[in-house]
Structure formats: C-alpha cells, structure tokens
All heavy atoms as atom14 arrays in JSON, in Angstrom:
{
  "sequence": "MLALPAPAYAGPRQPRDLRELAHQHGIRIGTAVDIAALRDEADYRKVL",
  "atom14_mask": [
    [1, 1, 1, 1, 1, 1, 1, 1, 0, 0, 0, 0, 0, 0],
    [1, 1, 1, 1, 1, 1, 1, 1, 0, 0, 0, 0, 0, 0],
    [1, 1, 1, 1, 1, 0, 0, 0, 0, 0, 0, 0, 0, 0],
    [1, 1, 1, 1, 1, 1, 1, 1, 0, 0, 0, 0, 0, 0],
    [1, 1, 1, 1, 1, 1, 1, 0, 0, 0, 0, 0, 0, 0],
    [1, 1, 1, 1, 1, 0, 0, 0, 0, 0, 0, 0, 0, 0],
    [1, 1, 1, 1, 1, 1, 1, 0, 0, 0, 0, 0, 0, 0],
    [1, 1, 1, 1, 1, 0, 0, 0, 0, 0, 0, 0, 0, 0],
    [1, 1, 1, 1, 1, 1, 1, 1, 1, 1, 1, 1, 0, 0],
    [1, 1, 1, 1, 1, 0, 0, 0, 0, 0, 0, 0, 0, 0],
    [1, 1, 1, 1, 0, 0, 0, 0, 0, 0, 0, 0, 0, 0],
    [1, 1, 1, 1, 1, 1, 1, 0, 0, 0, 0, 0, 0, 0],
    [1, 1, 1, 1, 1, 1, 1, 1, 1, 1, 1, 0, 0, 0],
    [1, 1, 1, 1, 1, 1, 1, 1, 1, 0, 0, 0, 0, 0],
    [1, 1, 1, 1, 1, 1, 1, 0, 0, 0, 0, 0, 0, 0],
    [1, 1, 1, 1, 1, 1, 1, 1, 1, 1, 1, 0, 0, 0],
    [1, 1, 1, 1, 1, 1, 1, 1, 0, 0, 0, 0, 0, 0],
    [1, 1, 1, 1, 1, 1, 1, 1, 0, 0, 0, 0, 0, 0],
    [1, 1, 1, 1, 1, 1, 1, 1, 1, 1, 1, 0, 0, 0],
    [1, 1, 1, 1, 1, 1, 1, 1, 1, 0, 0, 0, 0, 0],
    [1, 1, 1, 1, 1, 1, 1, 1, 0, 0, 0, 0, 0, 0],
    [1, 1, 1, 1, 1, 0, 0, 0, 0, 0, 0, 0, 0, 0],
    [1, 1, 1, 1, 1, 1, 1, 1, 1, 1, 0, 0, 0, 0],
    [1, 1, 1, 1, 1, 1, 1, 1, 1, 0, 0, 0, 0, 0],
    [1, 1, 1, 1, 1, 1, 1, 1, 1, 1, 0, 0, 0, 0],
    [1, 1, 1, 1, 0, 0, 0, 0, 0, 0, 0, 0, 0, 0],
    [1, 1, 1, 1, 1, 1, 1, 1, 0, 0, 0, 0, 0, 0],
    [1, 1, 1, 1, 1, 1, 1, 1, 1, 1, 1, 0, 0, 0],
    [1, 1, 1, 1, 1, 1, 1, 1, 0, 0, 0, 0, 0, 0],
    [1, 1, 1, 1, 0, 0, 0, 0, 0, 0, 0, 0, 0, 0],
    [1, 1, 1, 1, 1, 1, 1, 0, 0, 0, 0, 0, 0, 0],
    [1, 1, 1, 1, 1, 0, 0, 0, 0, 0, 0, 0, 0, 0],
    [1, 1, 1, 1, 1, 1, 1, 0, 0, 0, 0, 0, 0, 0],
    [1, 1, 1, 1, 1, 1, 1, 1, 0, 0, 0, 0, 0, 0],
    [1, 1, 1, 1, 1, 1, 1, 1, 0, 0, 0, 0, 0, 0],
    [1, 1, 1, 1, 1, 0, 0, 0, 0, 0, 0, 0, 0, 0],
    [1, 1, 1, 1, 1, 0, 0, 0, 0, 0, 0, 0, 0, 0],
    [1, 1, 1, 1, 1, 1, 1, 1, 0, 0, 0, 0, 0, 0],
    [1, 1, 1, 1, 1, 1, 1, 1, 1, 1, 1, 0, 0, 0],
    [1, 1, 1, 1, 1, 1, 1, 1, 0, 0, 0, 0, 0, 0],
    [1, 1, 1, 1, 1, 1, 1, 1, 1, 0, 0, 0, 0, 0],
    [1, 1, 1, 1, 1, 0, 0, 0, 0, 0, 0, 0, 0, 0],
    [1, 1, 1, 1, 1, 1, 1, 1, 0, 0, 0, 0, 0, 0],
    [1, 1, 1, 1, 1, 1, 1, 1, 1, 1, 1, 1, 0, 0],
    [1, 1, 1, 1, 1, 1, 1, 1, 1, 1, 1, 0, 0, 0],
    [1, 1, 1, 1, 1, 1, 1, 1, 1, 0, 0, 0, 0, 0],
    [1, 1, 1, 1, 1, 1, 1, 0, 0, 0, 0, 0, 0, 0],
    [1, 1, 1, 1, 1, 1, 1, 1, 0, 0, 0, 0, 0, 0]
  ],
  "atom14_positions": [
    [[-172.85, 261.44, -1.96], [-172.77, 261.23, -0.51], [-173.38, 259.87, -0.13], [-172.84, 259.14, 0.69], [-173.5, 262.37, 0.21], [-172.8, 263.68, 0.18], [-173.76, 264.99, 0.93], [-173.88, 264.38, 2.63], [0.0, 0.0, 0.0], [0.0, 0.0, 0.0], [0.0, 0.0, 0.0], [0.0, 0.0, 0.0], [0.0, 0.0, 0.0], [0.0, 0.0, 0.0]],
    [[-174.5, 259.49, -0.77], [-175.16, 258.24, -0.45], [-174.31, 257.05, -0.91], [-174.4, 255.96, -0.37], [-176.54, 258.18, -1.13], [-177.58, 259.15, -0.54], [-178.83, 259.17, -1.41], [-177.92, 258.77, 0.91], [0.0, 0.0, 0.0], [0.0, 0.0, 0.0], [0.0, 0.0, 0.0], [0.0, 0.0, 0.0], [0.0, 0.0, 0.0], [0.0, 0.0, 0.0]],
    [[-173.51, 257.27, -1.94], [-172.68, 256.18, -2.46], [-171.45, 255.94, -1.65], [-170.82, 254.87, -1.76], [-172.31, 256.5, -3.91], [0.0, 0.0, 0.0], [0.0, 0.0, 0.0], [0.0, 0.0, 0.0], [0.0, 0.0, 0.0], [0.0, 0.0, 0.0], [0.0, 0.0, 0.0], [0.0, 0.0, 0.0], [0.0, 0.0, 0.0], [0.0, 0.0, 0.0]],
    [[-171.06, 256.89, -0.82], [-169.84, 256.74, -0.03], [-170.04, 255.7, 1.07], [-171.13, 255.59, 1.61], [-169.44, 258.08, 0.58], [-168.92, 259.16, -0.37], [-168.75, 260.48, 0.37], [-167.62, 258.72, -1.01], [0.0, 0.0, 0.0], [0.0, 0.0, 0.0], [0.0, 0.0, 0.0], [0.0, 0.0, 0.0], [0.0, 0.0, 0.0], [0.0, 0.0, 0.0]],
    [[-168.99, 254.98, 1.46], [-169.09, 254.06, 2.59], [-169.34, 254.81, 3.86], [-168.92, 255.96, 4.04], [-167.71, 253.34, 2.6], [-166.8, 254.28, 1.89], [-167.62, 254.97, 0.86], [0.0, 0.0, 0.0], [0.0, 0.0, 0.0], [0.0, 0.0, 0.0], [0.0, 0.0, 0.0], [0.0, 0.0, 0.0], [0.0, 0.0, 0.0], [0.0, 0.0, 0.0]],
    [[-170.04, 254.14, 4.8], [-170.34, 254.76, 6.06], [-169.05, 254.99, 6.86], [-168.13, 254.17, 6.76], [-171.28, 253.88, 6.88], [0.0, 0.0, 0.0], [0.0, 0.0, 0.0], [0.0, 0.0, 0.0], [0.0, 0.0, 0.0], [0.0, 0.0, 0.0], [0.0, 0.0, 0.0], [0.0, 0.0, 0.0], [0.0, 0.0, 0.0], [0.0, 0.0, 0.0]],
    [[-168.92, 256.1, 7.56], [-167.71, 256.33, 8.36], [-167.59, 255.27, 9.45], [-168.57, 254.65, 9.86], [-167.93, 257.72, 8.96], [-169.43, 257.93, 8.9], [-169.88, 257.19, 7.66], [0.0, 0.0, 0.0], [0.0, 0.0, 0.0], [0.0, 0.0, 0.0], [0.0, 0.0, 0.0], [0.0, 0.0, 0.0], [0.0, 0.0, 0.0], [0.0, 0.0, 0.0]],
    [[-166.39, 255.08, 9.99], [-166.13, 254.02, 10.95], [-167.02, 254.13, 12.18], [-167.46, 253.16, 12.74], [-164.68, 254.05, 11.35], [0.0, 0.0, 0.0], [0.0, 0.0, 0.0], [0.0, 0.0, 0.0], [0.0, 0.0, 0.0], [0.0, 0.0, 0.0], [0.0, 0.0, 0.0], [0.0, 0.0, 0.0], [0.0, 0.0, 0.0], [0.0, 0.0, 0.0]],
    [[-167.31, 255.34, 12.63], [-168.09, 255.5, 13.84], [-169.55, 255.15, 13.65], [-170.32, 255.06, 14.63], [-167.99, 256.94, 14.35], [-168.46, 258.02, 13.36], [-169.78, 258.26, 13.16], [-167.51, 258.74, 12.62], [-170.21, 259.23, 12.24], [-167.93, 259.71, 11.7], [-169.26, 259.94, 11.53], [-169.66, 260.88, 10.63], [0.0, 0.0, 0.0], [0.0, 0.0, 0.0]],
    [[-169.98, 254.88, 12.39], [-171.39, 254.54, 12.18], [-171.71, 253.08, 12.51], [-172.84, 252.69, 12.53], [-171.76, 254.82, 10.7], [0.0, 0.0, 0.0], [0.0, 0.0, 0.0], [0.0, 0.0, 0.0], [0.0, 0.0, 0.0], [0.0, 0.0, 0.0], [0.0, 0.0, 0.0], [0.0, 0.0, 0.0], [0.0, 0.0, 0.0], [0.0, 0.0, 0.0]],
    [[-170.69, 252.24, 12.75], [-170.94, 250.85, 13.09], [-171.48, 250.71, 14.48], [-171.64, 251.65, 15.24], [0.0, 0.0, 0.0], [0.0, 0.0, 0.0], [0.0, 0.0, 0.0], [0.0, 0.0, 0.0], [0.0, 0.0, 0.0], [0.0, 0.0, 0.0], [0.0, 0.0, 0.0], [0.0, 0.0, 0.0], [0.0, 0.0, 0.0], [0.0, 0.0, 0.0]],
    [[-171.79, 249.47, 14.88], [-172.32, 249.22, 16.22], [-171.32, 249.67, 17.29], [-170.13, 249.4, 17.19], [-172.5, 247.69, 16.26], [-172.52, 247.27, 14.83], [-171.67, 248.23, 14.08], [0.0, 0.0, 0.0], [0.0, 0.0, 0.0], [0.0, 0.0, 0.0], [0.0, 0.0, 0.0], [0.0, 0.0, 0.0], [0.0, 0.0, 0.0], [0.0, 0.0, 0.0]],
    [[-171.78, 250.38, 18.27], [-170.9, 250.8, 19.36], [-170.56, 249.61, 20.24], [-171.26, 248.59, 20.24], [-171.55, 251.9, 20.19], [-172.83, 251.46, 20.89], [-173.35, 252.52, 21.82], [-174.62, 252.14, 22.39], [-174.75, 251.3, 23.4], [-173.7, 250.71, 23.92], [-175.95, 251.0, 23.87], [0.0, 0.0, 0.0], [0.0, 0.0, 0.0], [0.0, 0.0, 0.0]],
    [[-169.5, 249.74, 21.0], [-169.1, 248.67, 21.91], [-170.2, 248.48, 22.98], [-170.66, 249.46, 23.56], [-167.78, 248.98, 22.6], [-167.33, 247.87, 23.53], [-165.87, 247.95, 23.91], [-165.02, 248.05, 23.04], [-165.57, 247.96, 25.19], [0.0, 0.0, 0.0], [0.0, 0.0, 0.0], [0.0, 0.0, 0.0], [0.0, 0.0, 0.0], [0.0, 0.0, 0.0]],
    [[-170.62, 247.27, 23.2], [-171.7, 247.04, 24.16], [-171.31, 247.39, 25.59], [-170.11, 247.38, 25.94], [-171.97, 245.53, 24.05], [-170.72, 244.96, 23.47], [-170.15, 246.03, 22.58], [0.0, 0.0, 0.0], [0.0, 0.0, 0.0], [0.0, 0.0, 0.0], [0.0, 0.0, 0.0], [0.0, 0.0, 0.0], [0.0, 0.0, 0.0], [0.0, 0.0, 0.0]],
    [[-172.3, 247.74, 26.39], [-172.03, 248.15, 27.76], [-171.85, 246.99, 28.72], [-171.24, 247.12, 29.76], [-173.18, 249.05, 28.27], [-173.28, 250.37, 27.55], [-174.61, 251.05, 27.87], [-175.75, 250.3, 27.28], [-177.0, 250.73, 27.25], [-177.29, 251.9, 27.77], [-177.93, 250.01, 26.69], [0.0, 0.0, 0.0], [0.0, 0.0, 0.0], [0.0, 0.0, 0.0]],
    [[-172.42, 245.8, 28.34], [-172.35, 244.65, 29.23], [-172.53, 243.38, 28.39], [-172.74, 243.45, 27.18], [-173.44, 244.75, 30.31], [-174.82, 245.01, 29.79], [-175.21, 244.32, 28.79], [-175.52, 245.89, 30.31], [0.0, 0.0, 0.0], [0.0, 0.0, 0.0], [0.0, 0.0, 0.0], [0.0, 0.0, 0.0], [0.0, 0.0, 0.0], [0.0, 0.0, 0.0]],
    [[-172.47, 242.26, 29.05], [-172.52, 240.99, 28.33], [-173.91, 240.71, 27.72], [-173.97, 240.11, 26.64], [-172.12, 239.83, 29.27], [-170.67, 239.86, 29.8], [-170.43, 238.7, 30.75], [-169.66, 239.84, 28.65], [0.0, 0.0, 0.0], [0.0, 0.0, 0.0], [0.0, 0.0, 0.0], [0.0, 0.0, 0.0], [0.0, 0.0, 0.0], [0.0, 0.0, 0.0]],
    [[-174.94, 241.14, 28.37], [-176.27, 240.91, 27.8], [-176.43, 241.71, 26.51], [-176.99, 241.21, 25.51], [-177.36, 241.28, 28.81], [-178.7, 240.75, 28.46], [-179.77, 241.21, 29.47], [-179.77, 240.4, 30.66], [-180.79, 239.58, 31.02], [-181.81, 239.42, 30.2], [-180.74, 238.9, 32.14], [0.0, 0.0, 0.0], [0.0, 0.0, 0.0], [0.0, 0.0, 0.0]],
    [[-175.9, 242.9, 26.46], [-175.95, 243.71, 25.23], [-175.03, 243.09, 24.15], [-175.37, 243.08, 22.99], [-175.56, 245.15, 25.51], [-175.8, 246.05, 24.33], [-175.63, 247.52, 24.72], [-176.5, 248.04, 25.45], [-174.64, 248.13, 24.28], [0.0, 0.0, 0.0], [0.0, 0.0, 0.0], [0.0, 0.0, 0.0], [0.0, 0.0, 0.0], [0.0, 0.0, 0.0]],
    [[-173.89, 242.58, 24.6], [-173.01, 241.86, 23.68], [-173.73, 240.68, 23.02], [-173.64, 240.47, 21.81], [-171.77, 241.36, 24.42], [-170.74, 240.56, 23.64], [-170.01, 241.43, 22.63], [-169.75, 239.87, 24.59], [0.0, 0.0, 0.0], [0.0, 0.0, 0.0], [0.0, 0.0, 0.0], [0.0, 0.0, 0.0], [0.0, 0.0, 0.0], [0.0, 0.0, 0.0]],
    [[-174.43, 239.9, 23.82], [-175.2, 238.78, 23.31], [-176.23, 239.22, 22.29], [-176.39, 238.59, 21.23], [-175.89, 238.05, 24.46], [0.0, 0.0, 0.0], [0.0, 0.0, 0.0], [0.0, 0.0, 0.0], [0.0, 0.0, 0.0], [0.0, 0.0, 0.0], [0.0, 0.0, 0.0], [0.0, 0.0, 0.0], [0.0, 0.0, 0.0], [0.0, 0.0, 0.0]],
    [[-176.9, 240.33, 22.58], [-177.91, 240.84, 21.63], [-177.26, 241.23, 20.32], [-177.79, 240.96, 19.24], [-178.63, 242.03, 22.28], [-179.65, 242.67, 21.37], [-180.84, 242.1, 21.07], [-179.59, 243.84, 20.68], [-181.51, 242.87, 20.23], [-180.78, 243.94, 19.98], [0.0, 0.0, 0.0], [0.0, 0.0, 0.0], [0.0, 0.0, 0.0], [0.0, 0.0, 0.0]],
    [[-176.11, 241.93, 20.4], [-175.45, 242.36, 19.18], [-175.03, 241.2, 18.29], [-175.13, 241.25, 17.06], [-174.22, 243.22, 19.52], [-174.53, 244.66, 19.92], [-173.29, 245.51, 19.98], [-172.18, 245.09, 19.6], [-173.42, 246.72, 20.48], [0.0, 0.0, 0.0], [0.0, 0.0, 0.0], [0.0, 0.0, 0.0], [0.0, 0.0, 0.0], [0.0, 0.0, 0.0]],
    [[-174.59, 240.12, 18.94], [-174.09, 238.97, 18.19], [-175.21, 237.94, 17.85], [-174.96, 237.01, 17.1], [-172.99, 238.25, 18.96], [-171.7, 239.02, 19.02], [-171.03, 239.47, 17.9], [-170.97, 239.44, 20.09], [-169.94, 240.1, 18.28], [-169.87, 240.1, 19.59], [0.0, 0.0, 0.0], [0.0, 0.0, 0.0], [0.0, 0.0, 0.0], [0.0, 0.0, 0.0]],
    [[-176.36, 238.1, 18.46], [-177.46, 237.17, 18.2], [-177.21, 235.81, 18.8], [-177.63, 234.78, 18.24], [0.0, 0.0, 0.0], [0.0, 0.0, 0.0], [0.0, 0.0, 0.0], [0.0, 0.0, 0.0], [0.0, 0.0, 0.0], [0.0, 0.0, 0.0], [0.0, 0.0, 0.0], [0.0, 0.0, 0.0], [0.0, 0.0, 0.0], [0.0, 0.0, 0.0]],
    [[-176.52, 235.75, 19.96], [-176.26, 234.49, 20.64], [-176.72, 234.61, 22.09], [-177.17, 235.65, 22.55], [-174.79, 234.05, 20.6], [-173.9, 235.05, 21.36], [-174.32, 233.91, 19.16], [-172.5, 234.57, 21.57], [0.0, 0.0, 0.0], [0.0, 0.0, 0.0], [0.0, 0.0, 0.0], [0.0, 0.0, 0.0], [0.0, 0.0, 0.0], [0.0, 0.0, 0.0]],
    [[-176.6, 233.49, 22.82], [-176.87, 233.5, 24.25], [-175.53, 233.48, 25.0], [-174.67, 232.65, 24.7], [-177.72, 232.31, 24.64], [-179.04, 232.24, 23.89], [-179.78, 230.93, 24.1], [-181.0, 230.92, 23.33], [-181.12, 230.45, 22.09], [-180.03, 229.96, 21.48], [-182.26, 230.47, 21.43], [0.0, 0.0, 0.0], [0.0, 0.0, 0.0], [0.0, 0.0, 0.0]],
    [[-175.39, 234.38, 25.95], [-174.19, 234.41, 26.79], [-174.61, 234.08, 28.2], [-175.45, 234.77, 28.78], [-173.44, 235.75, 26.7], [-172.92, 235.95, 25.28], [-172.32, 235.81, 27.72], [-172.13, 237.23, 25.07], [0.0, 0.0, 0.0], [0.0, 0.0, 0.0], [0.0, 0.0, 0.0], [0.0, 0.0, 0.0], [0.0, 0.0, 0.0], [0.0, 0.0, 0.0]],
    [[-174.05, 232.99, 28.75], [-174.54, 232.49, 30.01], [-173.45, 232.22, 31.02], [-172.27, 232.43, 30.77], [0.0, 0.0, 0.0], [0.0, 0.0, 0.0], [0.0, 0.0, 0.0], [0.0, 0.0, 0.0], [0.0, 0.0, 0.0], [0.0, 0.0, 0.0], [0.0, 0.0, 0.0], [0.0, 0.0, 0.0], [0.0, 0.0, 0.0], [0.0, 0.0, 0.0]],
    [[-173.89, 231.72, 32.18], [-172.97, 231.38, 33.24], [-173.58, 230.24, 34.05], [-174.8, 230.09, 34.12], [-172.71, 232.58, 34.18], [-171.74, 232.18, 35.19], [-173.96, 233.04, 34.88], [0.0, 0.0, 0.0], [0.0, 0.0, 0.0], [0.0, 0.0, 0.0], [0.0, 0.0, 0.0], [0.0, 0.0, 0.0], [0.0, 0.0, 0.0], [0.0, 0.0, 0.0]],
    [[-172.68, 229.45, 34.67], [-173.13, 228.52, 35.7], [-173.48, 229.32, 36.95], [-172.84, 230.35, 37.25], [-172.01, 227.52, 36.0], [0.0, 0.0, 0.0], [0.0, 0.0, 0.0], [0.0, 0.0, 0.0], [0.0, 0.0, 0.0], [0.0, 0.0, 0.0], [0.0, 0.0, 0.0], [0.0, 0.0, 0.0], [0.0, 0.0, 0.0], [0.0, 0.0, 0.0]],
    [[-174.43, 228.83, 37.7], [-174.96, 229.54, 38.85], [-174.72, 228.76, 40.13], [-175.11, 227.58, 40.23], [-176.47, 229.85, 38.72], [-177.03, 230.52, 39.94], [-176.7, 230.71, 37.45], [0.0, 0.0, 0.0], [0.0, 0.0, 0.0], [0.0, 0.0, 0.0], [0.0, 0.0, 0.0], [0.0, 0.0, 0.0], [0.0, 0.0, 0.0], [0.0, 0.0, 0.0]],
    [[-174.11, 229.42, 41.1], [-173.96, 228.89, 42.45], [-175.24, 229.2, 43.19], [-175.57, 230.37, 43.46], [-172.76, 229.52, 43.13], [-172.52, 229.0, 44.53], [-173.43, 229.07, 45.38], [-171.38, 228.54, 44.81], [0.0, 0.0, 0.0], [0.0, 0.0, 0.0], [0.0, 0.0, 0.0], [0.0, 0.0, 0.0], [0.0, 0.0, 0.0], [0.0, 0.0, 0.0]],
    [[-176.04, 228.16, 43.53], [-177.36, 228.41, 44.05], [-177.36, 229.09, 45.44], [-178.21, 229.9, 45.75], [-178.19, 227.11, 44.11], [-179.68, 227.41, 44.27], [-177.69, 226.16, 45.18], [-180.3, 228.1, 43.09], [0.0, 0.0, 0.0], [0.0, 0.0, 0.0], [0.0, 0.0, 0.0], [0.0, 0.0, 0.0], [0.0, 0.0, 0.0], [0.0, 0.0, 0.0]],
    [[-176.35, 228.78, 46.27], [-176.25, 229.41, 47.59], [-175.97, 230.91, 47.41], [-176.52, 231.75, 48.13], [-175.18, 228.75, 48.44], [0.0, 0.0, 0.0], [0.0, 0.0, 0.0], [0.0, 0.0, 0.0], [0.0, 0.0, 0.0], [0.0, 0.0, 0.0], [0.0, 0.0, 0.0], [0.0, 0.0, 0.0], [0.0, 0.0, 0.0], [0.0, 0.0, 0.0]],
    [[-175.08, 231.23, 46.51], [-174.79, 232.64, 46.25], [-176.01, 233.38, 45.68], [-176.27, 234.53, 46.01], [-173.61, 232.76, 45.3], [0.0, 0.0, 0.0], [0.0, 0.0, 0.0], [0.0, 0.0, 0.0], [0.0, 0.0, 0.0], [0.0, 0.0, 0.0], [0.0, 0.0, 0.0], [0.0, 0.0, 0.0], [0.0, 0.0, 0.0], [0.0, 0.0, 0.0]],
    [[-176.77, 232.71, 44.81], [-177.95, 233.27, 44.26], [-178.92, 233.67, 45.39], [-179.55, 234.72, 45.34], [-178.63, 232.28, 43.31], [-179.99, 232.7, 42.72], [-179.87, 233.92, 41.82], [-180.64, 231.54, 41.97], [0.0, 0.0, 0.0], [0.0, 0.0, 0.0], [0.0, 0.0, 0.0], [0.0, 0.0, 0.0], [0.0, 0.0, 0.0], [0.0, 0.0, 0.0]],
    [[-179.04, 232.81, 46.37], [-179.98, 233.06, 47.46], [-179.46, 234.11, 48.46], [-180.23, 234.97, 48.92], [-180.22, 231.77, 48.25], [-181.18, 230.79, 47.54], [-181.72, 229.8, 48.59], [-182.77, 229.0, 48.0], [-182.6, 227.71, 47.63], [-181.41, 227.11, 47.79], [-183.59, 227.01, 47.15], [0.0, 0.0, 0.0], [0.0, 0.0, 0.0], [0.0, 0.0, 0.0]],
    [[-178.17, 234.06, 48.74], [-177.64, 234.78, 49.9], [-176.85, 236.05, 49.63], [-176.61, 236.82, 50.52], [-176.73, 233.83, 50.73], [-177.47, 232.59, 51.21], [-178.72, 232.67, 51.34], [-176.83, 231.58, 51.47], [0.0, 0.0, 0.0], [0.0, 0.0, 0.0], [0.0, 0.0, 0.0], [0.0, 0.0, 0.0], [0.0, 0.0, 0.0], [0.0, 0.0, 0.0]],
    [[-176.43, 236.24, 48.36], [-175.53, 237.36, 48.07], [-176.19, 238.31, 47.07], [-176.28, 238.01, 45.88], [-174.2, 236.85, 47.54], [-173.47, 235.93, 48.53], [-172.23, 235.31, 47.95], [-171.7, 235.82, 46.91], [-171.75, 234.32, 48.53], [0.0, 0.0, 0.0], [0.0, 0.0, 0.0], [0.0, 0.0, 0.0], [0.0, 0.0, 0.0], [0.0, 0.0, 0.0]],
    [[-176.61, 239.47, 47.55], [-177.33, 240.42, 46.69], [-176.46, 240.93, 45.57], [-176.94, 241.13, 44.46], [-177.84, 241.56, 47.55], [0.0, 0.0, 0.0], [0.0, 0.0, 0.0], [0.0, 0.0, 0.0], [0.0, 0.0, 0.0], [0.0, 0.0, 0.0], [0.0, 0.0, 0.0], [0.0, 0.0, 0.0], [0.0, 0.0, 0.0], [0.0, 0.0, 0.0]],
    [[-175.15, 241.15, 45.81], [-174.29, 241.67, 44.77], [-174.09, 240.62, 43.68], [-174.05, 240.94, 42.49], [-172.95, 242.17, 45.33], [-172.19, 241.11, 46.11], [-172.75, 240.04, 46.44], [-171.0, 241.38, 46.46], [0.0, 0.0, 0.0], [0.0, 0.0, 0.0], [0.0, 0.0, 0.0], [0.0, 0.0, 0.0], [0.0, 0.0, 0.0], [0.0, 0.0, 0.0]],
    [[-173.94, 239.36, 44.08], [-173.81, 238.27, 43.1], [-175.08, 238.2, 42.24], [-175.03, 238.12, 41.03], [-173.6, 236.96, 43.84], [-173.55, 235.72, 42.99], [-172.31, 235.16, 42.61], [-174.71, 235.06, 42.58], [-172.27, 234.0, 41.83], [-174.64, 233.91, 41.8], [-173.43, 233.4, 41.44], [-173.37, 232.23, 40.67], [0.0, 0.0, 0.0], [0.0, 0.0, 0.0]],
    [[-176.21, 238.23, 42.89], [-177.52, 238.11, 42.22], [-177.7, 239.29, 41.23], [-178.19, 239.09, 40.11], [-178.64, 238.1, 43.26], [-180.0, 237.76, 42.71], [-180.92, 237.37, 43.86], [-180.99, 238.39, 44.9], [-180.51, 238.23, 46.16], [-179.93, 237.12, 46.51], [-180.63, 239.21, 47.05], [0.0, 0.0, 0.0], [0.0, 0.0, 0.0], [0.0, 0.0, 0.0]],
    [[-177.29, 240.47, 41.62], [-177.47, 241.64, 40.76], [-176.64, 241.52, 39.48], [-177.14, 241.77, 38.39], [-177.05, 242.91, 41.53], [-177.2, 244.19, 40.72], [-176.82, 245.4, 41.56], [-176.97, 246.69, 40.75], [-176.6, 247.87, 41.55], [0.0, 0.0, 0.0], [0.0, 0.0, 0.0], [0.0, 0.0, 0.0], [0.0, 0.0, 0.0], [0.0, 0.0, 0.0]],
    [[-175.4, 241.1, 39.63], [-174.54, 240.94, 38.44], [-175.07, 239.82, 37.54], [-175.13, 239.96, 36.33], [-173.1, 240.66, 38.87], [-172.22, 240.31, 37.66], [-172.49, 241.86, 39.59], [0.0, 0.0, 0.0], [0.0, 0.0, 0.0], [0.0, 0.0, 0.0], [0.0, 0.0, 0.0], [0.0, 0.0, 0.0], [0.0, 0.0, 0.0], [0.0, 0.0, 0.0]],
    [[-175.42, 238.7, 38.15], [-175.95, 237.56, 37.39], [-177.13, 238.0, 36.52], [-177.17, 237.69, 35.33], [-176.36, 236.45, 38.35], [-177.22, 235.32, 37.78], [-176.35, 234.46, 36.85], [-177.83, 234.47, 38.87], [0.0, 0.0, 0.0], [0.0, 0.0, 0.0], [0.0, 0.0, 0.0], [0.0, 0.0, 0.0], [0.0, 0.0, 0.0], [0.0, 0.0, 0.0]]
  ]
}
C-alpha cells in the first residue's frame, strides 16, 4: 500500500482565490491599484 502512487485526489486542491493560488505556487500575485477606488469603494477595497 505504501509503495502505490497516491490517488489523484491526494494532490493539492484547487485554490479558493488568487492569494491561495499564489501560496500554492510560491509566487506573488498582484494588481495595479486605483488609489481613488481604494479610498472610496468598499467593494473594490475588499476584493483587493
């Protein structure tokens, strides 16, 4: 049993969001920021 390859489902699951994707791949995933939207739009700020 220990010698058998791991089943397909044992690999990393699909990430839930881009930050988790970045963590899985060991890179930085970023975006350019609109500063007015950062200040004035709560939904924009939350996603960012």
